[in-house]
Amino acid sequence: MKPKRLRMTAKRRETLIGLFFMAPFLVGTLLCFAFPTISSFLLSFGSTDTQAAGFHIQLTGLENYTRAFFSDTSFVPYLLDSIQDMLIKTPLILVFSLLIAIMLSKTMHFKGFFRVVALLPFLLGNGQVLRQMMREGIDTKILSLGDGTLISPEMLAYMGQDFFTAIDGLFSIIVTVLWSCGVQVLLFLAAIQSISPALYESAHIDGANEYEAFWKITLPMVLPVLLLNAVYTIINSFTDSTNPLLDYIKTWAVTKADHGFAAAMGWIYFLFILFFIGLVVLVIQRGIRKTQGVRR
């Protein structure tokens, strides 16, 4: 008897093709992400044995975690500063990005040029470039009142140096926020342009103005993209190259070679990031379900 030939259905063929193209990603994830993540998690509960040959972990329990919160004098202040910076900048970045995207979506000349300009800070302000610019004080020198160039020295003396120091701090935050809006502006712009113009025409026929159209049409329609931008902005804020906490963790891992303590601080930081992302997702998802009329 002739052996039966294995017949492959179209569904099974498509599944195998999909697995074939996913194989490099799966292998890379297991080797380059899963294994280091598990090793880092185990390392956070111990320390490296420098006497043994190779890489050996000696488990010490929760010693590294208690040390980060109760013994180390720098980790908690750095962590609180990072959280405060994120809580201040994230809402501002989202608001400014949405406003800029709305302005770019209107009919105007040189629209493509302004879209490129909106993305330039993202292309230039990353990694070592942004770090060097911050060292040069780019965030405080663009808009500054305390140097006497915009306001006379007599006015500075009358209002007091503390007042203008606070204003300069606010301007510094605004410059940093506008510098971080590139990706968010493009995502908001794509979401706004996907809204049907018929919705706005119907609203204007019914007597709605621009303010009412924004709250009743634009904002509910861009809520899914708002969620994406919020998650991206939170992650970008916590992993910014100018974040001193990242430099502090790197110092313990590389310079001082205390890998267990550095891993514990990294996992604590990761859990805080995960907490804020989960909180934002729950809040915005609730708003999305409410606008769609879904109750749970």
C-alpha atoms as a PDB file:
ATOM      1  CA  MET A   1       0.000   0.000   0.000  1.00  0.00           C
ATOM      2  CA  LYS A   2       1.232   3.443  -0.822  1.00  0.00           C
ATOM      3  CA  PRO A   3       1.714   5.676   2.215  1.00  0.00           C
ATOM      4  CA  LYS A   4      -0.810   8.442   2.506  1.00  0.00           C
ATOM      5  CA  ARG A   5       0.507  11.878   1.696  1.00  0.00           C
ATOM      6  CA  LEU A   6       0.113  14.448   4.436  1.00  0.00           C
ATOM      7  CA  ARG A   7      -2.272  17.044   3.154  1.00  0.00           C
ATOM      8  CA  MET A   8      -1.867  20.489   4.601  1.00  0.00           C
ATOM      9  CA  THR A   9      -4.921  22.668   4.859  1.00  0.00           C
ATOM     10  CA  ALA A  10      -4.779  26.348   4.012  1.00  0.00           C
ATOM     11  CA  LYS A  11      -5.283  27.296   7.662  1.00  0.00           C
ATOM     12  CA  ARG A  12      -2.381  25.103   8.807  1.00  0.00           C
ATOM     13  CA  ARG A  13      -0.187  26.458   6.016  1.00  0.00           C
ATOM     14  CA  GLU A  14      -0.924  30.044   7.072  1.00  0.00           C
ATOM     15  CA  THR A  15      -0.174  29.119  10.694  1.00  0.00           C
ATOM     16  CA  LEU A  16       3.210  27.646   9.766  1.00  0.00           C
ATOM     17  CA  ILE A  17       4.051  30.669   7.631  1.00  0.00           C
ATOM     18  CA  GLY A  18       3.170  32.947  10.534  1.00  0.00           C
ATOM     19  CA  LEU A  19       5.310  30.924  12.946  1.00  0.00           C
ATOM     20  CA  PHE A  20       8.180  31.007  10.474  1.00  0.00           C
ATOM     21  CA  PHE A  21       8.165  34.796  10.336  1.00  0.00           C
ATOM     22  CA  MET A  22       7.662  35.049  14.120  1.00  0.00           C
ATOM     23  CA  ALA A  23      10.540  32.676  14.897  1.00  0.00           C
ATOM     24  CA  PRO A  24      13.328  35.339  14.875  1.00  0.00           C
ATOM     25  CA  PHE A  25      11.298  37.532  17.225  1.00  0.00           C
ATOM     26  CA  LEU A  26      10.488  34.640  19.572  1.00  0.00           C
ATOM     27  CA  VAL A  27      14.108  33.447  19.685  1.00  0.00           C
ATOM     28  CA  GLY A  28      15.370  36.986  20.216  1.00  0.00           C
ATOM     29  CA  THR A  29      12.840  37.567  22.995  1.00  0.00           C
ATOM     30  CA  LEU A  30      13.816  34.384  24.823  1.00  0.00           C
ATOM     31  CA  LEU A  31      17.567  34.943  24.525  1.00  0.00           C
ATOM     32  CA  CYS A  32      17.826  38.729  24.751  1.00  0.00           C
ATOM     33  CA  PHE A  33      14.900  39.605  27.016  1.00  0.00           C
ATOM     34  CA  ALA A  34      13.412  36.692  28.959  1.00  0.00           C
ATOM     35  CA  PHE A  35      16.699  35.205  30.192  1.00  0.00           C
ATOM     36  CA  PRO A  36      18.243  38.546  31.318  1.00  0.00           C
ATOM     37  CA  THR A  37      14.950  39.526  32.982  1.00  0.00           C
ATOM     38  CA  ILE A  38      14.758  36.311  34.995  1.00  0.00           C
ATOM     39  CA  SER A  39      18.447  36.576  35.895  1.00  0.00           C
ATOM     40  CA  SER A  40      17.978  40.164  37.037  1.00  0.00           C
ATOM     41  CA  PHE A  41      14.968  39.204  39.158  1.00  0.00           C
ATOM     42  CA  LEU A  42      16.892  36.426  40.875  1.00  0.00           C
ATOM     43  CA  LEU A  43      19.900  38.687  41.296  1.00  0.00           C
ATOM     44  CA  SER A  44      17.766  41.271  43.127  1.00  0.00           C
ATOM     45  CA  PHE A  45      17.351  38.721  45.941  1.00  0.00           C
ATOM     46  CA  GLY A  46      21.062  38.039  46.257  1.00  0.00           C
ATOM     47  CA  SER A  47      24.560  39.108  45.310  1.00  0.00           C
ATOM     48  CA  THR A  48      27.217  37.959  42.894  1.00  0.00           C
ATOM     49  CA  ASP A  49      29.957  35.682  44.173  1.00  0.00           C
ATOM     50  CA  THR A  50      33.231  37.214  43.040  1.00  0.00           C
ATOM     51  CA  GLN A  51      35.239  34.288  44.368  1.00  0.00           C
ATOM     52  CA  ALA A  52      33.530  31.600  42.303  1.00  0.00           C
ATOM     53  CA  ALA A  53      34.380  31.095  38.664  1.00  0.00           C
ATOM     54  CA  GLY A  54      31.799  32.465  36.308  1.00  0.00           C
ATOM     55  CA  PHE A  55      28.543  34.116  37.319  1.00  0.00           C
ATOM     56  CA  HIS A  56      27.129  32.775  40.592  1.00  0.00           C
ATOM     57  CA  ILE A  57      24.270  34.242  42.668  1.00  0.00           C
ATOM     58  CA  GLN A  58      24.199  33.961  46.435  1.00  0.00           C
ATOM     59  CA  LEU A  59      20.617  34.440  47.644  1.00  0.00           C
ATOM     60  CA  THR A  60      20.224  36.840  50.580  1.00  0.00           C
ATOM     61  CA  GLY A  61      16.426  37.242  50.688  1.00  0.00           C
ATOM     62  CA  LEU A  62      14.940  40.734  50.885  1.00  0.00           C
ATOM     63  CA  GLU A  63      18.124  42.347  52.110  1.00  0.00           C
ATOM     64  CA  ASN A  64      18.637  44.425  48.944  1.00  0.00           C
ATOM     65  CA  TYR A  65      15.039  45.696  48.976  1.00  0.00           C
ATOM     66  CA  THR A  66      15.115  46.710  52.645  1.00  0.00           C
ATOM     67  CA  ARG A  67      18.472  48.342  52.058  1.00  0.00           C
ATOM     68  CA  ALA A  68      17.036  50.438  49.210  1.00  0.00           C
ATOM     69  CA  PHE A  69      14.181  51.790  51.352  1.00  0.00           C
ATOM     70  CA  PHE A  70      15.655  51.961  54.851  1.00  0.00           C
ATOM     71  CA  SER A  71      19.447  52.106  54.604  1.00  0.00           C
ATOM     72  CA  ASP A  72      20.334  53.922  51.392  1.00  0.00           C
ATOM     73  CA  THR A  73      19.930  57.686  51.684  1.00  0.00           C
ATOM     74  CA  SER A  74      19.732  58.524  47.962  1.00  0.00           C
ATOM     75  CA  PHE A  75      17.432  55.997  46.303  1.00  0.00           C
ATOM     76  CA  VAL A  76      14.106  57.135  47.797  1.00  0.00           C
ATOM     77  CA  PRO A  77      14.737  60.882  47.150  1.00  0.00           C
ATOM     78  CA  TYR A  78      15.744  60.104  43.558  1.00  0.00           C
ATOM     79  CA  LEU A  79      12.628  57.945  43.167  1.00  0.00           C
ATOM     80  CA  LEU A  80      10.337  60.655  44.544  1.00  0.00           C
ATOM     81  CA  ASP A  81      11.941  63.256  42.269  1.00  0.00           C
ATOM     82  CA  SER A  82      11.345  61.011  39.254  1.00  0.00           C
ATOM     83  CA  ILE A  83       7.701  60.486  40.209  1.00  0.00           C
ATOM     84  CA  GLN A  84       7.190  64.219  40.794  1.00  0.00           C
ATOM     85  CA  ASP A  85       8.788  65.065  37.458  1.00  0.00           C
ATOM     86  CA  MET A  86       6.525  62.553  35.701  1.00  0.00           C
ATOM     87  CA  LEU A  87       3.362  63.834  37.437  1.00  0.00           C
ATOM     88  CA  ILE A  88       4.143  67.412  36.404  1.00  0.00           C
ATOM     89  CA  LYS A  89       5.325  66.872  32.843  1.00  0.00           C
ATOM     90  CA  THR A  90       3.002  64.112  31.597  1.00  0.00           C
ATOM     91  CA  PRO A  91      -0.272  66.128  31.765  1.00  0.00           C
ATOM     92  CA  LEU A  92       1.469  69.175  30.287  1.00  0.00           C
ATOM     93  CA  ILE A  93       2.950  67.157  27.413  1.00  0.00           C
ATOM     94  CA  LEU A  94      -0.432  65.603  26.588  1.00  0.00           C
ATOM     95  CA  VAL A  95      -2.260  68.950  26.691  1.00  0.00           C
ATOM     96  CA  PHE A  96       0.326  70.809  24.604  1.00  0.00           C
ATOM     97  CA  SER A  97       0.553  67.923  22.121  1.00  0.00           C
ATOM     98  CA  LEU A  98      -3.190  67.844  21.608  1.00  0.00           C
ATOM     99  CA  LEU A  99      -3.381  71.616  21.147  1.00  0.00           C
ATOM    100  CA  ILE A 100      -0.523  71.616  18.637  1.00  0.00           C
ATOM    101  CA  ALA A 101      -2.102  68.704  16.744  1.00  0.00           C
ATOM    102  CA  ILE A 102      -5.426  70.548  16.554  1.00  0.00           C
ATOM    103  CA  MET A 103      -3.690  73.632  15.164  1.00  0.00           C
ATOM    104  CA  LEU A 104      -1.771  71.559  12.609  1.00  0.00           C
ATOM    105  CA  SER A 105      -4.977  69.823  11.507  1.00  0.00           C
ATOM    106  CA  LYS A 106      -6.530  73.130  10.463  1.00  0.00           C
ATOM    107  CA  THR A 107      -6.181  74.397   6.915  1.00  0.00           C
ATOM    108  CA  MET A 108      -2.965  76.397   6.782  1.00  0.00           C
ATOM    109  CA  HIS A 109       0.007  77.048   4.537  1.00  0.00           C
ATOM    110  CA  PHE A 110       3.236  75.027   4.920  1.00  0.00           C
ATOM    111  CA  LYS A 111       1.436  72.339   6.933  1.00  0.00           C
ATOM    112  CA  GLY A 112       4.016  69.700   6.025  1.00  0.00           C
ATOM    113  CA  PHE A 113       6.880  71.948   7.115  1.00  0.00           C
ATOM    114  CA  PHE A 114       5.380  72.519  10.553  1.00  0.00           C
ATOM    115  CA  ARG A 115       4.798  68.783  10.988  1.00  0.00           C
ATOM    116  CA  VAL A 116       8.481  68.145  10.340  1.00  0.00           C
ATOM    117  CA  VAL A 117       9.410  70.912  12.783  1.00  0.00           C
ATOM    118  CA  ALA A 118       7.203  69.286  15.433  1.00  0.00           C
ATOM    119  CA  LEU A 119       9.136  66.013  15.048  1.00  0.00           C
ATOM    120  CA  LEU A 120      12.643  67.530  15.004  1.00  0.00           C
ATOM    121  CA  PRO A 121      12.988  67.747  18.816  1.00  0.00           C
ATOM    122  CA  PHE A 122      12.324  64.009  19.057  1.00  0.00           C
ATOM    123  CA  LEU A 123      15.005  63.262  16.462  1.00  0.00           C
ATOM    124  CA  LEU A 124      17.591  65.553  18.041  1.00  0.00           C
ATOM    125  CA  GLY A 125      16.695  65.446  21.728  1.00  0.00           C
ATOM    126  CA  ASN A 126      17.539  61.868  22.609  1.00  0.00           C
ATOM    127  CA  GLY A 127      20.375  60.191  24.429  1.00  0.00           C
ATOM    128  CA  GLN A 128      23.698  61.966  24.608  1.00  0.00           C
ATOM    129  CA  VAL A 129      22.524  64.943  22.537  1.00  0.00           C
ATOM    130  CA  LEU A 130      19.810  65.861  25.040  1.00  0.00           C
ATOM    131  CA  ARG A 131      22.110  65.180  27.974  1.00  0.00           C
ATOM    132  CA  GLN A 132      24.742  67.558  26.600  1.00  0.00           C
ATOM    133  CA  MET A 133      22.153  70.242  25.841  1.00  0.00           C
ATOM    134  CA  MET A 134      20.800  70.021  29.398  1.00  0.00           C
ATOM    135  CA  ARG A 135      24.328  70.373  30.751  1.00  0.00           C
ATOM    136  CA  GLU A 136      24.677  73.558  28.723  1.00  0.00           C
ATOM    137  CA  GLY A 137      21.442  74.848  30.293  1.00  0.00           C
ATOM    138  CA  ILE A 138      19.361  74.904  27.115  1.00  0.00           C
ATOM    139  CA  ASP A 139      16.153  74.587  29.145  1.00  0.00           C
ATOM    140  CA  THR A 140      16.923  77.670  31.241  1.00  0.00           C
ATOM    141  CA  LYS A 141      18.571  79.906  28.649  1.00  0.00           C
ATOM    142  CA  ILE A 142      15.889  79.917  25.934  1.00  0.00           C
ATOM    143  CA  LEU A 143      13.328  81.689  28.107  1.00  0.00           C
ATOM    144  CA  SER A 144      14.896  83.490  31.033  1.00  0.00           C
ATOM    145  CA  LEU A 145      13.879  86.569  32.989  1.00  0.00           C
ATOM    146  CA  GLY A 146      16.547  86.529  35.658  1.00  0.00           C
ATOM    147  CA  ASP A 147      19.401  87.509  33.356  1.00  0.00           C
ATOM    148  CA  GLY A 148      17.963  90.988  32.733  1.00  0.00           C
ATOM    149  CA  THR A 149      17.635  90.708  28.956  1.00  0.00           C
ATOM    150  CA  LEU A 150      13.827  90.601  28.827  1.00  0.00           C
ATOM    151  CA  ILE A 151      13.125  92.725  31.909  1.00  0.00           C
ATOM    152  CA  SER A 152      15.138  95.637  33.219  1.00  0.00           C
ATOM    153  CA  PRO A 153      17.290  95.231  36.342  1.00  0.00           C
ATOM    154  CA  GLU A 154      15.113  97.811  38.116  1.00  0.00           C
ATOM    155  CA  MET A 155      12.042  95.621  37.620  1.00  0.00           C
ATOM    156  CA  LEU A 156      13.990  92.595  38.829  1.00  0.00           C
ATOM    157  CA  ALA A 157      14.964  94.464  41.988  1.00  0.00           C
ATOM    158  CA  TYR A 158      11.375  95.600  42.558  1.00  0.00           C
ATOM    159  CA  MET A 159       9.723  92.172  42.102  1.00  0.00           C
ATOM    160  CA  GLY A 160      12.427  90.228  43.900  1.00  0.00           C
ATOM    161  CA  GLN A 161      14.791  87.529  42.688  1.00  0.00           C
ATOM    162  CA  ASP A 162      12.679  84.705  44.138  1.00  0.00           C
ATOM    163  CA  PHE A 163       9.741  85.643  41.928  1.00  0.00           C
ATOM    164  CA  PHE A 164      11.773  85.536  38.735  1.00  0.00           C
ATOM    165  CA  THR A 165      13.503  82.328  39.839  1.00  0.00           C
ATOM    166  CA  ALA A 166      10.087  80.695  40.081  1.00  0.00           C
ATOM    167  CA  ILE A 167       9.112  82.071  36.662  1.00  0.00           C
ATOM    168  CA  ASP A 168      12.372  80.796  35.151  1.00  0.00           C
ATOM    169  CA  GLY A 169      11.641  77.371  36.629  1.00  0.00           C
ATOM    170  CA  LEU A 170       8.212  77.408  35.005  1.00  0.00           C
ATOM    171  CA  PHE A 171       9.716  78.438  31.658  1.00  0.00           C
ATOM    172  CA  SER A 172      12.271  75.643  31.974  1.00  0.00           C
ATOM    173  CA  ILE A 173       9.475  73.106  32.402  1.00  0.00           C
ATOM    174  CA  ILE A 174       7.597  74.539  29.397  1.00  0.00           C
ATOM    175  CA  VAL A 175      10.709  74.320  27.191  1.00  0.00           C
ATOM    176  CA  THR A 176      11.308  70.709  28.252  1.00  0.00           C
ATOM    177  CA  VAL A 177       7.647  69.845  27.688  1.00  0.00           C
ATOM    178  CA  LEU A 178       7.571  71.345  24.202  1.00  0.00           C
ATOM    179  CA  TRP A 179      10.829  69.544  23.433  1.00  0.00           C
ATOM    180  CA  SER A 180       9.125  66.222  24.295  1.00  0.00           C
ATOM    181  CA  CYS A 181       5.920  66.601  22.254  1.00  0.00           C
ATOM    182  CA  GLY A 182       7.057  65.358  18.827  1.00  0.00           C
ATOM    183  CA  VAL A 183       5.738  61.784  18.758  1.00  0.00           C
ATOM    184  CA  GLN A 184       2.595  62.675  20.690  1.00  0.00           C
ATOM    185  CA  VAL A 185       1.739  65.463  18.236  1.00  0.00           C
ATOM    186  CA  LEU A 186       1.993  63.127  15.238  1.00  0.00           C
ATOM    187  CA  LEU A 187      -0.158  60.463  16.906  1.00  0.00           C
ATOM    188  CA  PHE A 188      -2.808  62.997  17.905  1.00  0.00           C
ATOM    189  CA  LEU A 189      -2.696  64.497  14.416  1.00  0.00           C
ATOM    190  CA  ALA A 190      -3.305  61.089  12.814  1.00  0.00           C
ATOM    191  CA  ALA A 191      -6.238  60.479  15.181  1.00  0.00           C
ATOM    192  CA  ILE A 192      -7.804  63.878  14.483  1.00  0.00           C
ATOM    193  CA  GLN A 193      -7.490  63.448  10.727  1.00  0.00           C
ATOM    194  CA  SER A 194      -9.246  60.068  10.950  1.00  0.00           C
ATOM    195  CA  ILE A 195     -12.394  61.726  12.346  1.00  0.00           C
ATOM    196  CA  SER A 196     -15.083  62.095   9.701  1.00  0.00           C
ATOM    197  CA  PRO A 197     -15.674  65.744   8.714  1.00  0.00           C
ATOM    198  CA  ALA A 198     -19.383  64.932   8.540  1.00  0.00           C
ATOM    199  CA  LEU A 199     -19.471  64.839  12.347  1.00  0.00           C
ATOM    200  CA  TYR A 200     -18.208  68.396  12.596  1.00  0.00           C
ATOM    201  CA  GLU A 201     -20.538  69.567   9.825  1.00  0.00           C
ATOM    202  CA  SER A 202     -23.542  68.065  11.606  1.00  0.00           C
ATOM    203  CA  ALA A 203     -22.466  69.644  14.888  1.00  0.00           C
ATOM    204  CA  HIS A 204     -22.066  73.081  13.295  1.00  0.00           C
ATOM    205  CA  ILE A 205     -25.462  72.779  11.620  1.00  0.00           C
ATOM    206  CA  ASP A 206     -26.974  72.065  15.037  1.00  0.00           C
ATOM    207  CA  GLY A 207     -25.341  75.243  16.363  1.00  0.00           C
ATOM    208  CA  ALA A 208     -22.276  73.831  18.113  1.00  0.00           C
ATOM    209  CA  ASN A 209     -19.205  76.038  18.301  1.00  0.00           C
ATOM    210  CA  GLU A 210     -15.549  74.960  18.235  1.00  0.00           C
ATOM    211  CA  TYR A 211     -15.397  74.559  21.999  1.00  0.00           C
ATOM    212  CA  GLU A 212     -18.424  72.267  22.088  1.00  0.00           C
ATOM    213  CA  ALA A 213     -17.207  70.308  19.070  1.00  0.00           C
ATOM    214  CA  PHE A 214     -13.913  69.653  20.844  1.00  0.00           C
ATOM    215  CA  TRP A 215     -15.516  68.246  23.995  1.00  0.00           C
ATOM    216  CA  LYS A 216     -18.280  66.324  22.223  1.00  0.00           C
ATOM    217  CA  ILE A 217     -16.415  65.027  19.137  1.00  0.00           C
ATOM    218  CA  THR A 218     -12.661  65.521  19.099  1.00  0.00           C
ATOM    219  CA  LEU A 219     -11.772  64.477  22.638  1.00  0.00           C
ATOM    220  CA  PRO A 220     -13.969  61.338  22.777  1.00  0.00           C
ATOM    221  CA  MET A 221     -12.673  60.203  19.378  1.00  0.00           C
ATOM    222  CA  VAL A 222      -9.004  60.604  20.312  1.00  0.00           C
ATOM    223  CA  LEU A 223      -9.261  58.923  23.737  1.00  0.00           C
ATOM    224  CA  PRO A 224      -7.679  55.642  22.497  1.00  0.00           C
ATOM    225  CA  VAL A 225      -4.714  57.610  21.137  1.00  0.00           C
ATOM    226  CA  LEU A 226      -4.647  59.627  24.359  1.00  0.00           C
ATOM    227  CA  LEU A 227      -4.176  56.345  26.219  1.00  0.00           C
ATOM    228  CA  LEU A 228      -1.318  55.375  23.913  1.00  0.00           C
ATOM    229  CA  ASN A 229       0.338  58.771  24.297  1.00  0.00           C
ATOM    230  CA  ALA A 230      -0.087  58.716  28.075  1.00  0.00           C
ATOM    231  CA  VAL A 231       1.611  55.320  28.385  1.00  0.00           C
ATOM    232  CA  TYR A 232       4.386  56.387  26.007  1.00  0.00           C
ATOM    233  CA  THR A 233       4.931  59.666  27.867  1.00  0.00           C
ATOM    234  CA  ILE A 234       5.099  57.977  31.277  1.00  0.00           C
ATOM    235  CA  ILE A 235       7.640  55.430  30.059  1.00  0.00           C
ATOM    236  CA  ASN A 236       9.642  58.116  28.272  1.00  0.00           C
ATOM    237  CA  SER A 237       9.677  60.278  31.411  1.00  0.00           C
ATOM    238  CA  PHE A 238      10.857  57.455  33.675  1.00  0.00           C
ATOM    239  CA  THR A 239      13.520  56.289  31.210  1.00  0.00           C
ATOM    240  CA  ASP A 240      14.762  59.718  30.139  1.00  0.00           C
ATOM    241  CA  SER A 241      18.509  59.966  29.662  1.00  0.00           C
ATOM    242  CA  THR A 242      18.676  62.907  32.079  1.00  0.00           C
ATOM    243  CA  ASN A 243      16.965  60.957  34.874  1.00  0.00           C
ATOM    244  CA  PRO A 244      19.417  60.953  37.830  1.00  0.00           C
ATOM    245  CA  LEU A 245      17.944  57.739  39.254  1.00  0.00           C
ATOM    246  CA  LEU A 246      19.068  55.775  36.199  1.00  0.00           C
ATOM    247  CA  ASP A 247      22.586  57.129  36.600  1.00  0.00           C
ATOM    248  CA  TYR A 248      22.480  56.197  40.277  1.00  0.00           C
ATOM    249  CA  ILE A 249      21.444  52.604  39.530  1.00  0.00           C
ATOM    250  CA  LYS A 250      24.102  52.391  36.807  1.00  0.00           C
ATOM    251  CA  THR A 251      26.740  53.613  39.261  1.00  0.00           C
ATOM    252  CA  TRP A 252      25.989  50.788  41.678  1.00  0.00           C
ATOM    253  CA  ALA A 253      25.890  48.216  38.868  1.00  0.00           C
ATOM    254  CA  VAL A 254      28.987  49.273  36.917  1.00  0.00           C
ATOM    255  CA  THR A 255      31.250  51.402  39.076  1.00  0.00           C
ATOM    256  CA  LYS A 256      30.651  49.808  42.474  1.00  0.00           C
ATOM    257  CA  ALA A 257      29.873  46.339  41.042  1.00  0.00           C
ATOM    258  CA  ASP A 258      27.055  45.750  43.542  1.00  0.00           C
ATOM    259  CA  HIS A 259      24.831  43.996  41.033  1.00  0.00           C
ATOM    260  CA  GLY A 260      22.302  42.643  43.512  1.00  0.00           C
ATOM    261  CA  PHE A 261      21.531  46.046  45.029  1.00  0.00           C
ATOM    262  CA  ALA A 262      21.358  47.649  41.579  1.00  0.00           C
ATOM    263  CA  ALA A 263      18.975  44.921  40.377  1.00  0.00           C
ATOM    264  CA  ALA A 264      16.738  45.434  43.415  1.00  0.00           C
ATOM    265  CA  MET A 265      16.543  49.190  42.786  1.00  0.00           C
ATOM    266  CA  GLY A 266      15.788  48.527  39.124  1.00  0.00           C
ATOM    267  CA  TRP A 267      12.908  46.186  39.978  1.00  0.00           C
ATOM    268  CA  ILE A 268      11.469  48.614  42.515  1.00  0.00           C
ATOM    269  CA  TYR A 269      11.621  51.324  39.876  1.00  0.00           C
ATOM    270  CA  PHE A 270       9.990  49.016  37.337  1.00  0.00           C
ATOM    271  CA  LEU A 271       7.119  48.215  39.725  1.00  0.00           C
ATOM    272  CA  PHE A 272       6.456  51.915  40.286  1.00  0.00           C
ATOM    273  CA  ILE A 273       6.395  52.489  36.516  1.00  0.00           C
ATOM    274  CA  LEU A 274       4.008  49.552  36.101  1.00  0.00           C
ATOM    275  CA  PHE A 275       1.756  50.918  38.846  1.00  0.00           C
ATOM    276  CA  PHE A 276       1.379  54.355  37.256  1.00  0.00           C
ATOM    277  CA  ILE A 277       0.832  52.855  33.800  1.00  0.00           C
ATOM    278  CA  GLY A 278      -1.872  50.551  35.175  1.00  0.00           C
ATOM    279  CA  LEU A 279      -3.537  53.474  36.946  1.00  0.00           C
ATOM    280  CA  VAL A 280      -3.585  55.585  33.783  1.00  0.00           C
ATOM    281  CA  VAL A 281      -4.895  52.678  31.702  1.00  0.00           C
ATOM    282  CA  LEU A 282      -7.764  52.073  34.155  1.00  0.00           C
ATOM    283  CA  VAL A 283      -8.770  55.749  34.233  1.00  0.00           C
ATOM    284  CA  ILE A 284      -8.654  56.347  30.474  1.00  0.00           C
ATOM    285  CA  GLN A 285     -10.239  52.971  29.658  1.00  0.00           C
ATOM    286  CA  ARG A 286     -13.115  53.925  31.932  1.00  0.00           C
ATOM    287  CA  GLY A 287     -13.515  57.170  29.993  1.00  0.00           C
ATOM    288  CA  ILE A 288     -13.440  55.271  26.685  1.00  0.00           C
ATOM    289  CA  ARG A 289     -16.143  52.841  27.855  1.00  0.00           C
ATOM    290  CA  LYS A 290     -18.222  55.765  29.097  1.00  0.00           C
ATOM    291  CA  THR A 291     -18.057  57.586  25.769  1.00  0.00           C
ATOM    292  CA  GLN A 292     -18.952  54.386  23.942  1.00  0.00           C
ATOM    293  CA  GLY A 293     -21.925  53.760  26.213  1.00  0.00           C
ATOM    294  CA  VAL A 294     -20.491  50.553  27.684  1.00  0.00           C
ATOM    295  CA  ARG A 295     -21.136  49.940  31.373  1.00  0.00           C
ATOM    296  CA  ARG A 296     -19.435  47.270  33.418  1.00  0.00           C
END
